[in-house]
PDB file of N, CA and C in Angstrom:
ATOM      1  N   MET A   1      30.023 155.308 -36.949  1.00  0.00           N
ATOM      2  CA  MET A   1      29.844 156.629 -37.489  1.00  0.00           C
ATOM      3  C   MET A   1      29.260 156.557 -38.899  1.00  0.00           C
ATOM      4  N   ALA A   2      29.736 155.622 -39.714  1.00  0.00           N
ATOM      5  CA  ALA A   2      29.238 155.504 -41.080  1.00  0.00           C
ATOM      6  C   ALA A   2      27.773 155.086 -41.098  1.00  0.00           C
ATOM      7  N   ALA A   3      27.374 154.240 -40.157  1.00  0.00           N
ATOM      8  CA  ALA A   3      25.980 153.785 -40.109  1.00  0.00           C
ATOM      9  C   ALA A   3      25.048 154.929 -39.727  1.00  0.00           C
ATOM     10  N   ILE A   4      25.509 155.843 -38.923  1.00  0.00           N
ATOM     11  CA  ILE A   4      24.691 156.993 -38.529  1.00  0.00           C
ATOM     12  C   ILE A   4      24.432 157.881 -39.742  1.00  0.00           C
ATOM     13  N   VAL A   5      25.476 158.155 -40.505  1.00  0.00           N
ATOM     14  CA  VAL A   5      25.339 158.990 -41.696  1.00  0.00           C
ATOM     15  C   VAL A   5      24.507 158.267 -42.756  1.00  0.00           C
ATOM     16  N   ALA A   6      24.718 156.970 -42.909  1.00  0.00           N
ATOM     17  CA  ALA A   6      23.943 156.201 -43.883  1.00  0.00           C
ATOM     18  C   ALA A   6      22.466 156.198 -43.505  1.00  0.00           C
ATOM     19  N   GLY A   7      22.169 156.187 -42.207  1.00  0.00           N
ATOM     20  CA  GLY A   7      20.782 156.244 -41.759  1.00  0.00           C
ATOM     21  C   GLY A   7      20.102 157.556 -42.096  1.00  0.00           C
ATOM     22  N   GLN A   8      20.877 158.567 -42.359  1.00  0.00           N
ATOM     23  CA  GLN A   8      20.323 159.867 -42.717  1.00  0.00           C
ATOM     24  C   GLN A   8      20.226 160.055 -44.226  1.00  0.00           C
ATOM     25  N   HIS A   9      21.130 159.439 -44.990  1.00  0.00           N
ATOM     26  CA  HIS A   9      21.228 159.745 -46.415  1.00  0.00           C
ATOM     27  C   HIS A   9      20.934 158.573 -47.350  1.00  0.00           C
ATOM     28  N   ASN A  10      21.170 157.345 -46.942  1.00  0.00           N
ATOM     29  CA  ASN A  10      20.936 156.186 -47.791  1.00  0.00           C
ATOM     30  C   ASN A  10      19.469 155.785 -47.689  1.00  0.00           C
ATOM     31  N   THR A  11      18.773 155.712 -48.826  1.00  0.00           N
ATOM     32  CA  THR A  11      17.333 155.466 -48.804  1.00  0.00           C
ATOM     33  C   THR A  11      16.987 154.080 -48.275  1.00  0.00           C
ATOM     34  N   ASP A  12      17.788 153.061 -48.601  1.00  0.00           N
ATOM     35  CA  ASP A  12      17.513 151.707 -48.123  1.00  0.00           C
ATOM     36  C   ASP A  12      17.657 151.619 -46.611  1.00  0.00           C
ATOM     37  N   ILE A  13      18.727 152.158 -46.097  1.00  0.00           N
ATOM     38  CA  ILE A  13      18.984 152.077 -44.660  1.00  0.00           C
ATOM     39  C   ILE A  13      18.021 152.970 -43.898  1.00  0.00           C
ATOM     40  N   LYS A  14      17.685 154.119 -44.458  1.00  0.00           N
ATOM     41  CA  LYS A  14      16.724 155.018 -43.810  1.00  0.00           C
ATOM     42  C   LYS A  14      15.353 154.349 -43.691  1.00  0.00           C
ATOM     43  N   ALA A  15      14.922 153.667 -44.741  1.00  0.00           N
ATOM     44  CA  ALA A  15      13.635 152.974 -44.717  1.00  0.00           C
ATOM     45  C   ALA A  15      13.642 151.847 -43.686  1.00  0.00           C
ATOM     46  N   GLN A  16      14.745 151.109 -43.617  1.00  0.00           N
ATOM     47  CA  GLN A  16      14.858 150.028 -42.641  1.00  0.00           C
ATOM     48  C   GLN A  16      14.833 150.586 -41.217  1.00  0.00           C
ATOM     49  N   LYS A  17      15.544 151.669 -41.010  1.00  0.00           N
ATOM     50  CA  LYS A  17      15.619 152.269 -39.679  1.00  0.00           C
ATOM     51  C   LYS A  17      14.247 152.752 -39.198  1.00  0.00           C
ATOM     52  N   THR A  18      13.508 153.432 -40.066  1.00  0.00           N
ATOM     53  CA  THR A  18      12.189 153.920 -39.675  1.00  0.00           C
ATOM     54  C   THR A  18      11.227 152.754 -39.449  1.00  0.00           C
ATOM     55  N   ARG A  19      11.339 151.700 -40.264  1.00  0.00           N
ATOM     56  CA  ARG A  19      10.486 150.521 -40.083  1.00  0.00           C
ATOM     57  C   ARG A  19      10.753 149.849 -38.738  1.00  0.00           C
ATOM     58  N   LEU A  20      12.012 149.707 -38.381  1.00  0.00           N
ATOM     59  CA  LEU A  20      12.356 149.072 -37.115  1.00  0.00           C
ATOM     60  C   LEU A  20      11.915 149.918 -35.919  1.00  0.00           C
ATOM     61  N   LEU A  21      12.074 151.234 -36.027  1.00  0.00           N
ATOM     62  CA  LEU A  21      11.654 152.104 -34.927  1.00  0.00           C
ATOM     63  C   LEU A  21      10.139 152.075 -34.748  1.00  0.00           C
ATOM     64  N   LYS A  22       9.386 151.967 -35.844  1.00  0.00           N
ATOM     65  CA  LYS A  22       7.930 151.854 -35.743  1.00  0.00           C
ATOM     66  C   LYS A  22       7.519 150.535 -35.112  1.00  0.00           C
ATOM     67  N   GLN A  23       8.335 149.495 -35.275  1.00  0.00           N
ATOM     68  CA  GLN A  23       8.049 148.192 -34.685  1.00  0.00           C
ATOM     69  C   GLN A  23       8.370 148.149 -33.195  1.00  0.00           C
ATOM     70  N   GLY A  24       8.950 149.227 -32.672  1.00  0.00           N
ATOM     71  CA  GLY A  24       9.238 149.292 -31.249  1.00  0.00           C
ATOM     72  C   GLY A  24      10.665 148.952 -30.860  1.00  0.00           C
ATOM     73  N   LYS A  25      11.535 148.814 -31.838  1.00  0.00           N
ATOM     74  CA  LYS A  25      12.944 148.543 -31.536  1.00  0.00           C
ATOM     75  C   LYS A  25      13.593 149.807 -30.983  1.00  0.00           C
ATOM     76  N   THR A  26      14.659 149.619 -30.224  1.00  0.00           N
ATOM     77  CA  THR A  26      15.373 150.765 -29.679  1.00  0.00           C
ATOM     78  C   THR A  26      16.252 151.385 -30.755  1.00  0.00           C
ATOM     79  N   LYS A  27      16.743 152.579 -30.486  1.00  0.00           N
ATOM     80  CA  LYS A  27      17.605 153.260 -31.448  1.00  0.00           C
ATOM     81  C   LYS A  27      18.908 152.494 -31.667  1.00  0.00           C
ATOM     82  N   MET A  28      19.418 151.866 -30.611  1.00  0.00           N
ATOM     83  CA  MET A  28      20.656 151.099 -30.743  1.00  0.00           C
ATOM     84  C   MET A  28      20.444 149.838 -31.571  1.00  0.00           C
ATOM     85  N   GLN A  29      19.276 149.210 -31.447  1.00  0.00           N
ATOM     86  CA  GLN A  29      18.985 148.041 -32.269  1.00  0.00           C
ATOM     87  C   GLN A  29      18.883 148.436 -33.735  1.00  0.00           C
ATOM     88  N   ALA A  30      18.243 149.558 -34.002  1.00  0.00           N
ATOM     89  CA  ALA A  30      18.133 150.044 -35.375  1.00  0.00           C
ATOM     90  C   ALA A  30      19.509 150.414 -35.925  1.00  0.00           C
ATOM     91  N   LEU A  31      20.366 150.980 -35.092  1.00  0.00           N
ATOM     92  CA  LEU A  31      21.718 151.329 -35.520  1.00  0.00           C
ATOM     93  C   LEU A  31      22.524 150.068 -35.824  1.00  0.00           C
ATOM     94  N   GLY A  32      22.385 149.038 -35.001  1.00  0.00           N
ATOM     95  CA  GLY A  32      23.076 147.768 -35.251  1.00  0.00           C
ATOM     96  C   GLY A  32      22.635 147.142 -36.564  1.00  0.00           C
ATOM     97  N   ALA A  33      21.343 147.213 -36.851  1.00  0.00           N
ATOM     98  CA  ALA A  33      20.835 146.684 -38.117  1.00  0.00           C
ATOM     99  C   ALA A  33      21.364 147.506 -39.288  1.00  0.00           C
ATOM    100  N   ALA A  34      21.487 148.815 -39.101  1.00  0.00           N
ATOM    101  CA  ALA A  34      22.025 149.677 -40.147  1.00  0.00           C
ATOM    102  C   ALA A  34      23.498 149.354 -40.402  1.00  0.00           C
ATOM    103  N   MET A  35      24.245 149.082 -39.343  1.00  0.00           N
ATOM    104  CA  MET A  35      25.654 148.729 -39.506  1.00  0.00           C
ATOM    105  C   MET A  35      25.792 147.436 -40.306  1.00  0.00           C
ATOM    106  N   ARG A  36      24.963 146.454 -39.980  1.00  0.00           N
ATOM    107  CA  ARG A  36      25.024 145.173 -40.683  1.00  0.00           C
ATOM    108  C   ARG A  36      24.629 145.345 -42.157  1.00  0.00           C
ATOM    109  N   LYS A  37      23.573 146.092 -42.413  1.00  0.00           N
ATOM    110  CA  LYS A  37      23.122 146.299 -43.793  1.00  0.00           C
ATOM    111  C   LYS A  37      24.172 147.045 -44.598  1.00  0.00           C
ATOM    112  N   LEU A  38      24.810 148.038 -43.993  1.00  0.00           N
ATOM    113  CA  LEU A  38      25.848 148.788 -44.685  1.00  0.00           C
ATOM    114  C   LEU A  38      27.040 147.894 -45.028  1.00  0.00           C
ATOM    115  N   SER A  39      27.434 147.024 -44.112  1.00  0.00           N
ATOM    116  CA  SER A  39      28.548 146.123 -44.395  1.00  0.00           C
ATOM    117  C   SER A  39      28.171 145.115 -45.478  1.00  0.00           C
ATOM    118  N   GLN A  40      26.913 144.664 -45.501  1.00  0.00           N
ATOM    119  CA  GLN A  40      26.473 143.746 -46.548  1.00  0.00           C
ATOM    120  C   GLN A  40      26.451 144.434 -47.908  1.00  0.00           C
ATOM    121  N   ILE A  41      26.037 145.685 -47.939  1.00  0.00           N
ATOM    122  CA  ILE A  41      26.049 146.453 -49.188  1.00  0.00           C
ATOM    123  C   ILE A  41      27.483 146.600 -49.692  1.00  0.00           C
ATOM    124  N   CYS A  42      28.392 146.976 -48.806  1.00  0.00           N
ATOM    125  CA  CYS A  42      29.802 147.164 -49.197  1.00  0.00           C
ATOM    126  C   CYS A  42      30.400 145.856 -49.708  1.00  0.00           C
ATOM    127  N   PHE A  43      30.139 144.755 -49.021  1.00  0.00           N
ATOM    128  CA  PHE A  43      30.667 143.461 -49.440  1.00  0.00           C
ATOM    129  C   PHE A  43      30.123 143.077 -50.810  1.00  0.00           C
ATOM    130  N   GLY A  44      28.832 143.294 -51.034  1.00  0.00           N
ATOM    131  CA  GLY A  44      28.227 142.955 -52.315  1.00  0.00           C
ATOM    132  C   GLY A  44      28.792 143.760 -53.462  1.00  0.00           C
ATOM    133  N   VAL A  45      29.052 145.028 -53.224  1.00  0.00           N
ATOM    134  CA  VAL A  45      29.620 145.886 -54.268  1.00  0.00           C
ATOM    135  C   VAL A  45      31.033 145.436 -54.608  1.00  0.00           C
ATOM    136  N   VAL A  46      31.832 145.133 -53.601  1.00  0.00           N
ATOM    137  CA  VAL A  46      33.214 144.708 -53.835  1.00  0.00           C
ATOM    138  C   VAL A  46      33.246 143.333 -54.496  1.00  0.00           C
ATOM    139  N   LYS A  47      32.406 142.415 -54.016  1.00  0.00           N
ATOM    140  CA  LYS A  47      32.415 141.053 -54.535  1.00  0.00           C
ATOM    141  C   LYS A  47      31.990 141.000 -55.998  1.00  0.00           C
ATOM    142  N   ASN A  48      30.943 141.728 -56.341  1.00  0.00           N
ATOM    143  CA  ASN A  48      30.402 141.673 -57.700  1.00  0.00           C
ATOM    144  C   ASN A  48      30.964 142.730 -58.633  1.00  0.00           C
ATOM    145  N   GLN A  49      31.771 143.655 -58.104  1.00  0.00           N
ATOM    146  CA  GLN A  49      32.374 144.726 -58.902  1.00  0.00           C
ATOM    147  C   GLN A  49      31.315 145.475 -59.709  1.00  0.00           C
ATOM    148  N   THR A  50      30.204 145.827 -59.043  1.00  0.00           N
ATOM    149  CA  THR A  50      29.119 146.556 -59.690  1.00  0.00           C
ATOM    150  C   THR A  50      28.806 147.817 -58.902  1.00  0.00           C
ATOM    151  N   GLU A  51      28.086 148.701 -59.540  1.00  0.00           N
ATOM    152  CA  GLU A  51      27.655 149.926 -58.885  1.00  0.00           C
ATOM    153  C   GLU A  51      26.490 149.617 -57.946  1.00  0.00           C
ATOM    154  N   TYR A  52      26.415 150.329 -56.838  1.00  0.00           N
ATOM    155  CA  TYR A  52      25.324 150.142 -55.882  1.00  0.00           C
ATOM    156  C   TYR A  52      24.053 150.781 -56.422  1.00  0.00           C
ATOM    157  N   LEU A  53      23.001 150.005 -56.475  1.00  0.00           N
ATOM    158  CA  LEU A  53      21.685 150.501 -56.906  1.00  0.00           C
ATOM    159  C   LEU A  53      20.700 150.337 -55.754  1.00  0.00           C
ATOM    160  N   PRO A  54      20.168 151.437 -55.221  1.00  0.00           N
ATOM    161  CA  PRO A  54      19.228 151.335 -54.102  1.00  0.00           C
ATOM    162  C   PRO A  54      17.968 150.574 -54.509  1.00  0.00           C
ATOM    163  N   GLN A  55      17.448 149.776 -53.588  1.00  0.00           N
ATOM    164  CA  GLN A  55      16.240 148.994 -53.831  1.00  0.00           C
ATOM    165  C   GLN A  55      14.983 149.821 -53.582  1.00  0.00           C
ATOM    166  N   VAL A  56      15.054 150.755 -52.623  1.00  0.00           N
ATOM    167  CA  VAL A  56      13.916 151.613 -52.288  1.00  0.00           C
ATOM    168  C   VAL A  56      14.055 152.898 -53.107  1.00  0.00           C
ATOM    169  N   SER A  57      12.975 153.339 -53.710  1.00  0.00           N
ATOM    170  CA  SER A  57      13.069 154.558 -54.522  1.00  0.00           C
ATOM    171  C   SER A  57      12.612 155.778 -53.763  1.00  0.00           C
TER     172      SER A  57
END
């Protein structure tokens, strides 16, 4: 559920999702990639104790 919302509102995940869909990936594959990216973002924020800064503007 969080990956679906992040795909709509998070600029990094939204850009990744649209890129994967243009490459011909299925919606479920793009959702799986969004879930992994979201978990990596969360882990990085907790590990480094820093604020999340989007890479895509």
